[in-house]
């Protein structure tokens, strides 16, 4: 029986840390048009800051964070 991961990513999570710890989340960021995956700015920006730079609303940022957590928790 596999255990669910209890990690909770928030809008304040650093993008570079997120990608380093959970490389599978890079695809989600790319799907949202955040090509920060390879950008130097990812070292300084949070998920929210990166999304806001690309014009995303608070609602869209929240949806992105939910999706990122789903990928980490369930691998989907």
Protein backbone atom coordinates (compact mmCIF):
# COMPACT_ATOMS: atom_id res chain seq x y z
CA UNK A 1 0.00 0.00 0.00
CA UNK A 2 1.46 3.36 -0.99
CA UNK A 3 1.24 6.34 1.29
CA UNK A 4 -0.02 9.69 0.07
CA UNK A 5 2.48 12.49 0.27
CA UNK A 6 1.43 15.17 2.72
CA UNK A 7 3.46 17.98 1.18
CA UNK A 8 1.44 21.12 0.61
CA UNK A 9 2.65 23.55 -2.02
CA UNK A 10 1.30 27.08 -1.65
CA UNK A 11 1.28 30.16 -3.86
CA UNK A 12 4.30 31.34 -1.83
CA UNK A 13 6.45 28.32 -2.71
CA UNK A 14 9.64 29.27 -4.53
CA UNK A 15 9.52 28.11 -8.16
CA UNK A 16 13.11 26.84 -8.26
CA UNK A 17 12.62 24.86 -5.04
CA UNK A 18 9.38 23.40 -6.38
CA UNK A 19 10.98 22.24 -9.63
CA UNK A 20 14.07 20.90 -7.83
CA UNK A 21 12.09 18.87 -5.27
CA UNK A 22 9.26 17.84 -7.59
CA UNK A 23 10.46 17.86 -11.21
CA UNK A 24 7.16 16.29 -12.30
CA UNK A 25 5.48 19.64 -11.58
CA UNK A 26 7.41 21.36 -14.39
CA UNK A 27 4.88 20.02 -16.89
CA UNK A 28 2.05 21.77 -15.02
CA UNK A 29 3.92 25.07 -15.08
CA UNK A 30 4.60 24.66 -18.79
CA UNK A 31 0.92 23.82 -19.42
CA UNK A 32 0.04 27.16 -17.82
CA UNK A 33 2.59 28.94 -20.01
CA UNK A 34 5.07 29.53 -17.21
CA UNK A 35 8.31 28.73 -18.90
CA UNK A 36 10.06 29.70 -15.67
CA UNK A 37 11.29 26.14 -15.43
CA UNK A 38 14.61 27.14 -16.96
CA UNK A 39 14.51 30.84 -16.16
CA UNK A 40 16.90 32.52 -13.73
CA UNK A 41 13.92 34.38 -12.24
CA UNK A 42 12.58 31.09 -10.88
CA UNK A 43 15.23 31.31 -8.15
CA UNK A 44 13.61 34.48 -6.86
CA UNK A 45 9.91 34.12 -7.71
CA UNK A 46 7.14 32.32 -5.92
CA UNK A 47 4.47 30.39 -7.81
CA UNK A 48 2.16 33.38 -7.40
CA UNK A 49 4.73 35.96 -8.50
CA UNK A 50 5.61 33.95 -11.60
CA UNK A 51 1.95 33.50 -12.48
CA UNK A 52 1.12 37.18 -11.89
CA UNK A 53 3.98 38.23 -14.17
CA UNK A 54 2.28 36.16 -16.86
CA UNK A 55 -1.10 37.80 -16.22
CA UNK A 56 -2.87 35.12 -14.20
CA UNK A 57 -5.68 36.02 -11.81
CA UNK A 58 -5.86 35.00 -8.15
CA UNK A 59 -8.40 32.32 -9.10
CA UNK A 60 -6.10 30.91 -11.80
CA UNK A 61 -3.16 30.90 -9.38
CA UNK A 62 -5.27 28.96 -6.87
CA UNK A 63 -6.29 26.44 -9.54
CA UNK A 64 -2.65 26.02 -10.54
CA UNK A 65 -1.60 25.38 -6.93
CA UNK A 66 -4.36 22.76 -6.56
CA UNK A 67 -3.17 21.04 -9.74
CA UNK A 68 0.47 21.10 -8.60
CA UNK A 69 -0.51 19.49 -5.29
CA UNK A 70 -2.53 16.82 -7.12
CA UNK A 71 0.49 15.91 -9.23
CA UNK A 72 2.70 15.66 -6.16
CA UNK A 73 0.16 13.72 -4.11
CA UNK A 74 -1.25 11.38 -6.73
CA UNK A 75 1.33 11.47 -9.50
CA UNK A 76 -1.29 12.54 -12.04
